[in-house]
Structure formats: C-alpha cells, structure tokens
Amino acid sequence: MSLAKITQVTGRGVYVPGNDIDTDRIIPARFMKCVTFDGLGEFLFYDVRHTPEGVPCGHPIDKPEHKGATIFLSGANFGCGSSREHAPQAIHKAGFRAVIAENFAEIFFGNSTTLGIPCVNAKREDIAKIAAAIAADPTLEIVVDVEKLEVRFGSQSIPITMRDSARDGLVNGRWDAIGELLEGKPVMEKLAATLPYLAAA
C-alpha cells in the first residue's frame, strides 16, 4: 500500500512557547514502558500539564479553544535531549499532524519525518505572528504548505524552510523507509531467486 503524499496540513493551531523543549518534557520517561505507542497522546507534556498531584494546570493544549488542534507551534531546538521515538509518537497520537518551530533537534526531526509529520522551520518573528493570530481567533484555519514552503493563515502568509530530502519524501509519499522496504519485499524476493548464492540457500 502506497504512503500518502503529504503536500500540506490544514487545521487549527496551538502555540506552546519556549526554547529547548526536550523529549523528556514532551513524553516523560515513566510513560515509555508501553508495548505499543497507542495511548501515548494522553501523556504528551504530562509533567508540565499537571501539578505533582496530577491536577491539570491549564497548559495551552488543554484549553477548550485548542481542542482538536492539529498544528503545533513552539520555539528553537525543539525535541532536543535523549533520542526517543516516543516523543514524536506522542505528538502524533495526540492528534498533531505538523510542527512549526525555529529549528529542531536532528533525531527528533528524523523520527517525525518517518511518521509523516512535517517539521518546518520558521523565523521567530513569523512564529510570533501566527501565535498572535491564534490568540485572537483560536478557530483560525492554518495551512502548512510543504510543497510551496509557506504557512497561510487568515490573509497572511509566511515563508518556511525544510530539509530538501525530508520535503521530497513527504510530498512524493516516500517518508517511511521501513514501510517502503516492506512494500518492496516481493520485488526483493524475485531478485534474490535469481542470485545463485541466495537461491541455493
């Protein structure tokens, strides 16, 4: 089954301010004992969304006006810290389909791309413009256009950047290397049967 081509993501946004938001803040380590990634979304930013007693403390993603938001905005060096696939998985399971930040930690960026989550870079002042627009109207439709490398919201648009290889993989439906490998198994088996040293095995 071919992967979907991700040329743009459209939805409402939520802004979580801050630089150097690391993977342990995104998904605390104690929630990583799961066998599958299902259910991780409820633990996204758990320790900053709750008091030590487990009481919700009004984090932006919990506010009623941001319920159902699919586009996540933040600051610089997003996803830094330990390399855990659970971080982008938690973001995805919570319903987010694109992340806009000043820049991203390398491993987090790669893990997100293989989930089909576009992680796009924008200037700080441009992120502030989107955040202000969201604050003024939480129902505002935001379009992250991966193909055209721009974000559109209201009557405004801002430029974004993204690594060429990741952008190419998303817009052409080649963002999951393992999925592509499994999809190509029949072709590989057919080729292997023609190779004497494999056919005899």
Protein backbone atom coordinates (compact mmCIF):
# COMPACT_ATOMS: atom_id res chain seq x y z
CA MET A 1 0.00 0.00 0.00
CA SER A 2 1.50 3.32 -1.08
CA LEU A 3 2.09 6.01 1.51
CA ALA A 4 0.02 9.18 1.37
CA LYS A 5 1.59 12.20 -0.27
CA ILE A 6 1.76 14.93 2.34
CA THR A 7 1.78 18.20 0.44
CA GLN A 8 0.04 20.29 3.07
CA VAL A 9 -1.55 20.09 6.50
CA THR A 10 -4.61 22.18 7.31
CA GLY A 11 -6.10 22.72 10.75
CA ARG A 12 -6.21 24.84 13.86
CA GLY A 13 -3.06 25.60 15.78
CA VAL A 14 -1.79 25.77 19.34
CA TYR A 15 1.32 27.62 20.48
CA VAL A 16 3.48 26.27 23.29
CA PRO A 17 6.21 28.86 23.94
CA GLY A 18 9.76 28.03 24.92
CA ASN A 19 13.14 27.03 23.57
CA ASP A 20 14.98 23.75 24.17
CA ILE A 21 11.83 21.76 24.86
CA ASP A 22 13.35 18.32 25.22
CA THR A 23 11.99 14.85 24.65
CA ASP A 24 11.63 14.17 28.39
CA ARG A 25 9.31 17.14 28.67
CA ILE A 26 7.41 16.01 25.58
CA ILE A 27 6.92 12.48 26.98
CA PRO A 28 8.27 11.70 30.48
CA ALA A 29 10.34 8.51 30.64
CA ARG A 30 7.97 6.69 33.02
CA PHE A 31 5.34 6.57 30.28
CA MET A 32 7.67 4.80 27.86
CA LYS A 33 7.09 1.30 29.22
CA CYS A 34 4.26 0.68 26.77
CA VAL A 35 4.36 -2.26 24.36
CA THR A 36 2.78 -0.18 21.58
CA PHE A 37 2.58 3.56 21.04
CA ASP A 38 -1.22 3.58 21.34
CA GLY A 39 -2.38 5.82 24.17
CA LEU A 40 0.81 7.88 24.36
CA GLY A 41 -1.08 11.01 23.32
CA GLU A 42 -2.69 11.44 26.73
CA PHE A 43 0.76 11.68 28.33
CA LEU A 44 2.07 14.37 25.98
CA PHE A 45 3.70 17.10 28.14
CA TYR A 46 2.19 15.37 31.17
CA ASP A 47 4.50 16.86 33.79
CA VAL A 48 4.00 20.44 32.61
CA ARG A 49 0.27 19.95 32.07
CA HIS A 50 -0.29 18.71 35.61
CA THR A 51 0.71 19.54 39.16
CA PRO A 52 2.73 16.91 41.11
CA GLU A 53 -0.64 15.70 42.41
CA GLY A 54 -1.87 15.09 38.87
CA VAL A 55 -4.22 18.07 38.67
CA PRO A 56 -4.42 19.82 35.26
CA CYS A 57 -2.87 23.27 35.41
CA GLY A 58 -4.13 24.99 32.28
CA HIS A 59 -1.50 24.07 29.71
CA PRO A 60 -2.22 25.53 26.25
CA ILE A 61 -3.05 22.16 24.67
CA ASP A 62 -5.67 21.53 27.38
CA LYS A 63 -7.58 24.76 26.85
CA PRO A 64 -11.04 24.17 25.37
CA GLU A 65 -10.44 26.58 22.50
CA HIS A 66 -7.49 24.47 21.34
CA LYS A 67 -9.24 21.11 21.48
CA GLY A 68 -8.75 19.33 18.18
CA ALA A 69 -5.80 21.46 17.10
CA THR A 70 -3.57 19.66 14.61
CA ILE A 71 -0.73 22.14 14.13
CA PHE A 72 1.79 22.62 16.93
CA LEU A 73 3.99 25.72 17.25
CA SER A 74 7.00 26.24 19.50
CA GLY A 75 10.46 27.79 19.74
CA ALA A 76 14.06 26.88 18.97
CA ASN A 77 15.79 23.49 19.31
CA PHE A 78 12.52 21.64 19.69
CA GLY A 79 12.84 17.95 20.51
CA CYS A 80 16.36 18.09 21.93
CA GLY A 81 17.61 15.69 24.61
CA SER A 82 17.59 11.91 24.55
CA SER A 83 16.69 10.18 21.30
CA ARG A 84 13.30 8.63 21.94
CA GLU A 85 10.87 7.76 19.19
CA HIS A 86 8.12 8.05 21.79
CA ALA A 87 8.30 11.86 21.61
CA PRO A 88 7.05 12.30 18.03
CA GLN A 89 4.76 9.30 18.54
CA ALA A 90 3.11 11.08 21.49
CA ILE A 91 2.69 14.22 19.39
CA HIS A 92 1.14 12.18 16.58
CA LYS A 93 -1.13 10.17 18.88
CA ALA A 94 -2.35 13.44 20.43
CA GLY A 95 -3.62 14.44 17.01
CA PHE A 96 -0.94 16.82 15.79
CA ARG A 97 -0.02 16.49 12.13
CA ALA A 98 2.57 19.25 11.68
CA VAL A 99 5.06 21.12 13.87
CA ILE A 100 6.31 24.66 13.26
CA ALA A 101 9.39 25.77 15.19
CA GLU A 102 12.54 27.83 14.72
CA ASN A 103 14.55 24.64 14.36
CA PHE A 104 14.59 21.03 15.51
CA ALA A 105 16.92 18.52 17.12
CA GLU A 106 18.29 16.20 14.44
CA ILE A 107 17.00 12.85 15.71
CA PHE A 108 13.58 14.22 16.62
CA PHE A 109 13.28 15.66 13.12
CA GLY A 110 14.14 12.31 11.52
CA ASN A 111 11.76 10.33 13.72
CA SER A 112 8.95 12.78 12.99
CA THR A 113 9.52 12.59 9.25
CA THR A 114 9.20 8.79 9.28
CA LEU A 115 5.78 9.23 10.91
CA GLY A 116 4.69 11.64 8.20
CA ILE A 117 4.80 14.68 10.48
CA PRO A 118 6.19 17.73 8.64
CA CYS A 119 8.55 19.66 10.92
CA VAL A 120 9.06 23.05 9.30
CA ASN A 121 11.33 25.91 10.28
CA ALA A 122 10.09 29.48 10.59
CA LYS A 123 11.66 32.69 11.86
CA ARG A 124 10.93 33.66 15.45
CA GLU A 125 9.06 36.79 14.42
CA ASP A 126 6.93 34.81 11.98
CA ILE A 127 6.02 32.23 14.62
CA ALA A 128 5.02 35.15 16.85
CA LYS A 129 2.69 36.38 14.09
CA ILE A 130 0.97 33.00 13.86
CA ALA A 131 0.76 32.74 17.66
CA ALA A 132 -0.84 36.20 17.86
CA ALA A 133 -3.35 35.26 15.17
CA ILE A 134 -4.24 32.07 17.07
CA ALA A 135 -4.66 34.04 20.31
CA ALA A 136 -7.01 36.45 18.52
CA ASP A 137 -9.00 33.64 16.91
CA PRO A 138 -8.39 30.06 18.07
CA THR A 139 -10.66 28.78 15.27
CA LEU A 140 -8.37 30.27 12.62
CA GLU A 141 -7.52 27.85 9.82
CA ILE A 142 -3.79 27.40 9.28
CA VAL A 143 -2.30 25.78 6.21
CA VAL A 144 1.22 24.36 6.38
CA ASP A 145 2.08 24.05 2.71
CA VAL A 146 5.02 21.66 2.48
CA GLU A 147 5.08 21.79 -1.30
CA LYS A 148 5.12 25.59 -1.59
CA LEU A 149 7.12 26.11 1.63
CA GLU A 150 4.77 28.59 3.22
CA VAL A 151 2.27 28.83 6.05
CA ARG A 152 -1.00 30.61 5.32
CA PHE A 153 -3.36 31.92 7.98
CA GLY A 154 -6.11 34.46 7.54
CA SER A 155 -4.91 36.98 4.97
CA GLN A 156 -1.26 36.43 5.87
CA SER A 157 1.46 34.03 4.81
CA ILE A 158 5.00 33.41 5.99
CA PRO A 159 7.88 31.51 4.39
CA ILE A 160 9.13 28.27 5.90
CA THR A 161 12.11 26.04 5.25
CA MET A 162 12.63 22.30 5.40
CA ARG A 163 15.41 19.93 4.51
CA ASP A 164 15.07 19.02 0.83
CA SER A 165 15.27 15.26 1.38
CA ALA A 166 12.50 15.28 4.00
CA ARG A 167 10.30 17.57 1.93
CA ASP A 168 10.78 15.38 -1.14
CA GLY A 169 9.88 12.26 0.83
CA LEU A 170 6.70 13.81 2.21
CA VAL A 171 5.33 15.34 -0.98
CA ASN A 172 6.10 12.21 -3.00
CA GLY A 173 4.83 9.69 -0.44
CA ARG A 174 8.25 8.26 0.41
CA TRP A 175 8.54 9.31 4.03
CA ASP A 176 8.71 5.88 5.69
CA ALA A 177 11.84 4.00 4.61
CA ILE A 178 10.90 0.82 6.51
CA GLY A 179 7.41 0.85 5.02
CA GLU A 180 8.89 1.21 1.55
CA LEU A 181 11.25 -1.68 2.23
CA LEU A 182 8.41 -3.96 3.34
CA GLU A 183 6.31 -2.91 0.36
CA GLY A 184 9.15 -3.89 -1.93
CA LYS A 185 9.55 -7.37 -0.42
CA PRO A 186 8.07 -9.25 -3.44
CA VAL A 187 10.50 -7.49 -5.78
CA MET A 188 13.42 -8.30 -3.49
CA GLU A 189 12.40 -11.96 -3.23
CA LYS A 190 12.12 -12.20 -7.00
CA LEU A 191 15.58 -10.70 -7.41
CA ALA A 192 17.02 -12.93 -4.68
CA ALA A 193 15.76 -16.01 -6.53
CA THR A 194 17.96 -15.07 -9.50
CA LEU A 195 21.12 -14.84 -7.41
CA PRO A 196 22.84 -18.26 -7.20
CA TYR A 197 24.33 -17.71 -3.76
CA LEU A 198 20.88 -16.83 -2.35
CA ALA A 199 18.75 -19.21 -4.41
CA ALA A 200 20.79 -22.16 -3.16
CA ALA A 201 20.40 -21.17 0.48
